[in-house]
Structures are given as C-alpha cells and as structure tokens.
N, C-alpha and C. Protein backbone atom coordinates (compact mmCIF):
# COMPACT_ATOMS: atom_id res chain seq x y z
N MET A 1 -57.92 -34.03 -5.98
CA MET A 1 -57.81 -34.45 -4.76
C MET A 1 -58.66 -34.15 -3.63
N LEU A 2 -59.40 -35.62 -2.93
CA LEU A 2 -60.32 -35.92 -1.90
C LEU A 2 -59.80 -36.01 -0.40
N GLY A 3 -60.53 -35.20 0.29
CA GLY A 3 -60.17 -34.57 1.75
C GLY A 3 -59.35 -33.36 2.30
N ASP A 4 -58.85 -33.58 2.59
CA ASP A 4 -58.37 -32.17 3.20
C ASP A 4 -57.77 -32.22 2.07
N ALA A 5 -57.37 -31.17 2.01
CA ALA A 5 -56.72 -30.56 0.78
C ALA A 5 -55.04 -30.70 1.18
N ARG A 6 -54.21 -30.03 2.60
CA ARG A 6 -54.12 -29.12 3.24
C ARG A 6 -53.25 -31.07 3.36
N LEU A 7 -53.54 -32.06 4.10
CA LEU A 7 -52.60 -32.66 4.63
C LEU A 7 -52.24 -34.00 3.80
N SER A 8 -52.51 -33.65 2.46
CA SER A 8 -52.43 -34.15 1.02
C SER A 8 -50.96 -34.04 0.81
N MET A 9 -51.03 -31.86 0.66
CA MET A 9 -50.20 -31.44 -0.46
C MET A 9 -48.69 -31.13 0.69
N GLU A 10 -48.86 -32.31 2.00
CA GLU A 10 -47.20 -31.39 3.37
C GLU A 10 -47.06 -33.39 2.13
N ARG A 11 -48.06 -34.55 1.80
CA ARG A 11 -47.08 -35.60 2.22
C ARG A 11 -46.81 -35.43 -0.09
N GLU A 12 -47.55 -34.65 -0.86
CA GLU A 12 -46.99 -34.68 -1.57
C GLU A 12 -45.79 -33.48 -2.37
N PRO A 13 -44.32 -33.89 -3.86
CA PRO A 13 -43.65 -33.50 -3.60
C PRO A 13 -43.93 -32.03 -4.63
N PRO A 14 -43.30 -30.84 -4.54
CA PRO A 14 -43.50 -29.71 -4.58
C PRO A 14 -44.37 -29.13 -5.62
N GLN A 15 -44.89 -29.11 -6.70
CA GLN A 15 -46.28 -28.69 -8.37
C GLN A 15 -46.42 -27.85 -8.31
N HIS A 16 -45.42 -26.74 -8.18
CA HIS A 16 -44.51 -25.88 -8.83
C HIS A 16 -45.84 -25.21 -9.65
N PHE A 17 -46.44 -24.62 -8.26
CA PHE A 17 -48.21 -24.20 -9.07
C PHE A 17 -47.46 -22.67 -9.50
N ASP A 18 -48.05 -22.26 -10.41
CA ASP A 18 -48.35 -20.17 -10.33
C ASP A 18 -49.02 -20.39 -9.89
N LEU A 19 -50.59 -20.87 -9.55
CA LEU A 19 -51.89 -19.86 -9.18
C LEU A 19 -52.23 -21.19 -8.23
N LEU A 20 -52.08 -20.60 -6.68
CA LEU A 20 -53.08 -22.00 -5.85
C LEU A 20 -54.26 -20.97 -4.99
N ALA A 21 -55.24 -21.18 -5.28
CA ALA A 21 -56.36 -20.81 -4.01
C ALA A 21 -57.12 -21.34 -3.23
N LEU A 22 -57.20 -20.95 -2.60
CA LEU A 22 -57.71 -22.08 -1.12
C LEU A 22 -59.03 -20.15 -1.40
N ASP A 23 -59.99 -21.44 -1.01
CA ASP A 23 -62.04 -21.31 -1.59
C ASP A 23 -62.57 -21.77 -0.25
N ALA A 24 -61.69 -21.75 0.80
CA ALA A 24 -63.34 -22.64 1.96
C ALA A 24 -63.46 -21.57 3.56
N PHE A 25 -63.93 -20.71 3.45
CA PHE A 25 -64.07 -19.80 4.54
C PHE A 25 -66.13 -18.89 4.05
N SER A 26 -65.93 -19.91 3.33
CA SER A 26 -66.98 -19.01 3.56
C SER A 26 -68.10 -19.58 4.20
N SER A 27 -68.50 -20.61 4.47
CA SER A 27 -69.64 -21.13 5.58
C SER A 27 -69.66 -20.93 6.72
N ASP A 28 -70.64 -21.88 8.31
CA ASP A 28 -69.86 -21.20 9.13
C ASP A 28 -68.88 -22.20 9.87
N ALA A 29 -68.97 -23.15 9.44
CA ALA A 29 -67.33 -24.26 9.53
C ALA A 29 -66.07 -23.43 9.51
N ILE A 30 -64.90 -23.04 10.00
CA ILE A 30 -64.39 -22.25 9.54
C ILE A 30 -63.32 -23.30 9.91
N PRO A 31 -62.22 -23.49 8.51
CA PRO A 31 -61.19 -24.66 8.46
C PRO A 31 -59.93 -24.18 8.70
N VAL A 32 -59.37 -23.49 10.38
CA VAL A 32 -58.73 -22.71 10.85
C VAL A 32 -57.24 -22.86 10.35
N HIS A 33 -57.42 -24.13 10.31
CA HIS A 33 -55.60 -24.72 9.62
C HIS A 33 -54.74 -24.98 8.43
N LEU A 34 -55.79 -24.07 8.01
CA LEU A 34 -55.18 -22.81 6.71
C LEU A 34 -54.59 -22.37 6.52
N LEU A 35 -55.59 -21.70 7.47
CA LEU A 35 -54.18 -20.06 7.95
C LEU A 35 -53.49 -19.64 9.21
N THR A 36 -53.01 -21.29 9.18
CA THR A 36 -51.74 -21.12 10.34
C THR A 36 -50.28 -21.35 9.12
N ARG A 37 -49.62 -20.68 10.64
CA ARG A 37 -47.79 -20.61 9.57
C ARG A 37 -47.36 -21.77 8.85
N GLU A 38 -48.03 -22.33 9.08
CA GLU A 38 -47.56 -24.15 9.05
C GLU A 38 -48.62 -24.27 7.33
N ALA A 39 -49.27 -23.79 7.35
CA ALA A 39 -50.39 -23.88 6.68
C ALA A 39 -49.27 -22.86 5.18
N PHE A 40 -48.99 -22.91 5.33
CA PHE A 40 -48.19 -21.35 4.92
C PHE A 40 -46.70 -21.85 3.86
N ASP A 41 -47.02 -22.13 5.17
CA ASP A 41 -44.90 -23.45 4.37
C ASP A 41 -44.99 -24.48 3.59
N VAL A 42 -46.50 -24.92 3.93
CA VAL A 42 -47.30 -26.36 2.75
C VAL A 42 -47.04 -24.92 1.36
N TYR A 43 -48.06 -24.30 1.98
CA TYR A 43 -48.55 -23.36 0.65
C TYR A 43 -46.87 -23.08 -0.79
N GLU A 44 -46.46 -21.99 0.03
CA GLU A 44 -44.41 -21.78 -0.24
C GLU A 44 -43.77 -22.90 -1.01
N ARG A 45 -44.06 -23.52 -0.33
CA ARG A 45 -43.49 -24.54 -1.08
C ARG A 45 -43.59 -25.92 -2.25
N HIS A 46 -44.80 -25.72 -2.55
CA HIS A 46 -45.72 -25.78 -3.72
C HIS A 46 -46.24 -25.26 -5.00
N LEU A 47 -45.83 -23.22 -3.78
CA LEU A 47 -45.86 -23.28 -5.49
C LEU A 47 -44.65 -22.40 -6.45
N ASN A 48 -44.87 -22.07 -7.51
CA ASN A 48 -42.76 -21.42 -8.50
C ASN A 48 -43.61 -20.49 -7.66
N PRO A 49 -42.08 -19.75 -7.51
CA PRO A 49 -41.47 -18.27 -7.15
C PRO A 49 -42.34 -17.29 -8.21
N GLY A 50 -42.34 -16.82 -7.15
CA GLY A 50 -43.70 -15.69 -7.79
C GLY A 50 -45.08 -15.48 -8.24
N GLY A 51 -44.71 -17.08 -7.74
CA GLY A 51 -46.47 -18.08 -8.35
C GLY A 51 -47.08 -17.48 -7.25
N ILE A 52 -48.62 -16.83 -7.07
CA ILE A 52 -49.43 -16.34 -6.57
C ILE A 52 -50.83 -17.65 -5.95
N LEU A 53 -50.23 -17.05 -4.14
CA LEU A 53 -51.42 -17.67 -3.69
C LEU A 53 -52.90 -17.24 -3.09
N ALA A 54 -54.15 -17.34 -3.26
CA ALA A 54 -55.50 -15.91 -3.76
C ALA A 54 -56.34 -16.91 -2.40
N ILE A 55 -57.21 -16.49 -2.02
CA ILE A 55 -57.16 -16.95 -0.65
C ILE A 55 -58.42 -16.08 -1.16
N HIS A 56 -59.61 -16.60 -1.41
CA HIS A 56 -61.28 -16.18 -0.46
C HIS A 56 -61.85 -16.10 1.00
N ILE A 57 -61.80 -15.00 1.62
CA ILE A 57 -62.06 -15.82 2.75
C ILE A 57 -63.49 -14.41 3.84
N SER A 58 -63.96 -14.77 2.34
CA SER A 58 -65.55 -13.89 2.47
C SER A 58 -66.19 -14.85 3.65
N ASN A 59 -66.54 -14.74 5.40
CA ASN A 59 -67.04 -14.85 5.76
C ASN A 59 -67.75 -13.88 6.70
N GLN A 60 -69.45 -13.98 6.50
CA GLN A 60 -70.48 -13.80 7.11
C GLN A 60 -70.62 -13.18 8.91
N TYR A 61 -69.72 -14.44 8.92
CA TYR A 61 -69.09 -14.61 10.92
C TYR A 61 -67.81 -13.86 11.26
N LEU A 62 -66.31 -13.96 10.18
CA LEU A 62 -65.28 -13.62 11.17
C LEU A 62 -64.47 -13.03 9.90
N ASP A 63 -63.79 -11.89 11.19
CA ASP A 63 -63.34 -11.09 10.00
C ASP A 63 -61.51 -11.76 9.94
N LEU A 64 -61.49 -12.77 8.39
CA LEU A 64 -60.60 -12.93 8.33
C LEU A 64 -59.22 -12.59 8.14
N GLU A 65 -60.21 -11.65 7.54
CA GLU A 65 -58.21 -10.82 6.71
C GLU A 65 -57.13 -9.91 7.57
N PRO A 66 -57.74 -9.46 8.84
CA PRO A 66 -56.07 -10.63 9.37
C PRO A 66 -55.19 -10.89 9.53
N VAL A 67 -55.39 -12.03 9.44
CA VAL A 67 -55.53 -13.28 9.81
C VAL A 67 -53.84 -13.10 8.39
N VAL A 68 -55.36 -12.17 7.06
CA VAL A 68 -54.24 -13.67 6.22
C VAL A 68 -52.65 -12.19 6.26
N VAL A 69 -54.43 -10.93 6.34
CA VAL A 69 -52.98 -9.28 6.05
C VAL A 69 -50.94 -10.02 6.94
N ASN A 70 -51.67 -11.00 8.10
CA ASN A 70 -50.55 -10.77 9.03
C ASN A 70 -49.52 -12.27 8.98
N LEU A 71 -50.68 -13.20 8.06
CA LEU A 71 -49.52 -14.33 7.31
C LEU A 71 -48.92 -13.78 6.34
N ALA A 72 -49.28 -12.91 4.88
CA ALA A 72 -48.60 -13.00 4.30
C ALA A 72 -47.72 -11.55 4.88
N ARG A 73 -46.97 -11.04 5.78
CA ARG A 73 -46.28 -9.92 5.67
C ARG A 73 -45.31 -11.18 6.76
N GLN A 74 -45.79 -11.95 7.53
CA GLN A 74 -44.72 -13.24 7.70
C GLN A 74 -43.88 -14.02 6.98
N PHE A 75 -44.52 -13.64 5.67
CA PHE A 75 -43.70 -14.29 4.23
C PHE A 75 -43.37 -13.26 3.39
N LYS A 76 -44.11 -11.82 3.44
CA LYS A 76 -43.23 -11.09 2.78
C LYS A 76 -43.94 -11.18 2.10
N TYR A 77 -45.29 -11.43 1.51
CA TYR A 77 -45.72 -11.43 0.12
C TYR A 77 -45.89 -10.42 0.35
N LYS A 78 -46.50 -9.90 -1.25
CA LYS A 78 -46.90 -8.79 -1.95
C LYS A 78 -48.65 -8.61 -1.96
N LEU A 79 -49.07 -7.86 -1.34
CA LEU A 79 -50.66 -8.16 -1.01
C LEU A 79 -51.60 -6.92 -1.29
N ALA A 80 -52.65 -7.28 -2.61
CA ALA A 80 -54.24 -7.04 -3.02
C ALA A 80 -54.70 -7.58 -2.61
N LEU A 81 -56.63 -6.30 -2.33
CA LEU A 81 -56.77 -7.00 -2.01
C LEU A 81 -58.09 -6.38 -2.61
N ILE A 82 -59.02 -7.42 -2.89
CA ILE A 82 -59.92 -7.07 -3.86
C ILE A 82 -61.74 -7.19 -3.44
N ASP A 83 -62.44 -6.29 -3.24
CA ASP A 83 -63.71 -6.14 -2.24
C ASP A 83 -64.64 -5.96 -3.75
N TYR A 84 -65.94 -6.07 -3.00
CA TYR A 84 -66.26 -6.54 -4.26
C TYR A 84 -67.85 -5.69 -3.18
N GLU A 85 -68.70 -4.29 -4.49
CA GLU A 85 -69.55 -4.39 -3.17
C GLU A 85 -70.78 -4.73 -3.78
N GLU A 86 -71.66 -5.64 -4.12
CA GLU A 86 -72.82 -5.56 -4.56
C GLU A 86 -73.73 -4.11 -5.29
N THR A 87 -74.43 -3.88 -6.39
CA THR A 87 -75.74 -2.72 -6.12
C THR A 87 -77.01 -3.18 -5.57
N GLU A 88 -77.93 -2.04 -6.00
CA GLU A 88 -79.01 -2.40 -5.28
C GLU A 88 -79.86 -3.90 -5.46
N GLU A 89 -79.20 -4.54 -7.42
CA GLU A 89 -79.77 -5.38 -8.05
C GLU A 89 -78.88 -6.31 -7.62
N GLU A 90 -78.23 -6.19 -6.51
CA GLU A 90 -77.60 -7.74 -6.72
C GLU A 90 -77.60 -7.93 -5.30
N TRP A 91 -79.22 -7.25 -4.50
CA TRP A 91 -78.64 -8.34 -2.92
C TRP A 91 -79.19 -9.33 -2.68
N TRP A 92 -78.91 -9.81 -3.61
CA TRP A 92 -79.61 -11.30 -3.13
C TRP A 92 -77.54 -12.19 -3.03
N VAL A 93 -76.84 -11.52 -3.30
CA VAL A 93 -75.31 -11.46 -3.02
C VAL A 93 -74.98 -11.52 -2.02
N ILE A 94 -74.38 -12.70 -1.50
CA ILE A 94 -73.52 -12.19 0.38
C ILE A 94 -72.54 -11.09 -0.10
N PRO A 95 -72.37 -9.76 0.59
CA PRO A 95 -71.32 -9.16 0.95
C PRO A 95 -69.73 -10.19 0.29
N ARG A 96 -68.98 -9.96 0.00
CA ARG A 96 -67.83 -10.23 0.34
C ARG A 96 -66.34 -9.57 0.73
N ARG A 97 -65.98 -9.74 2.02
CA ARG A 97 -64.81 -9.72 2.89
C ARG A 97 -63.57 -8.81 1.81
N GLY A 98 -63.17 -10.05 1.08
CA GLY A 98 -61.53 -9.48 0.66
C GLY A 98 -61.34 -10.97 0.27
N CYS A 99 -60.19 -10.48 -0.35
CA CYS A 99 -59.72 -11.52 -1.79
C CYS A 99 -58.04 -11.73 -1.87
N PHE A 100 -57.23 -12.39 -1.68
CA PHE A 100 -55.52 -11.79 -0.77
C PHE A 100 -55.01 -12.83 -2.32
C-alpha cells in the first residue's frame, strides 16, 4: 500500500486481518493521526473478531504508552506489553519502550 496507510484503509472494504501491525513511531516525526480514536475505528473495522492490533511504539522523545493504553481501554482491548532490555553487549540497540 503506497501513501498514508490509514487513509488508504478508510477507503478499503473490511480486510478481515488476523494481525494488523503499526510500526511508524521510532523517528522524530510522530504520525499522531495513527493514534486517534478515529484511527482505531478504522483498524477495528479491518480486524477479524479476536484479531491482534500490534503497535510498536518505541520512541526516544515521547512516551506513547499512555496514549495506546488509553485507546485500548476505550475499545475494551486486552493489553500485552513487551519490553526489551538490552544487555551490555547490545549497547548499540536503541531501547524499546513497548509493544501492544
């Protein structure tokens, strides 16, 4: 899908995904339009019942976890946080805040 995926998804009929992964938050420019109630309405329309919405929210500048947790609660989603702590040998790996 070329262009803004959310806008493309708004125009598409439901896709019935078992998994929808968002991975657009690690740069300096945060696409905040992907973390809105309206965006989650679009994601939900494209997910199968029981499907998984996985959101990679690593960012060195902003803590996006509370935003995603709040949206997940609004949509009555179950949450799972995956937090990666690098070892001393992996000093070059950018620390990850979480994934839902």
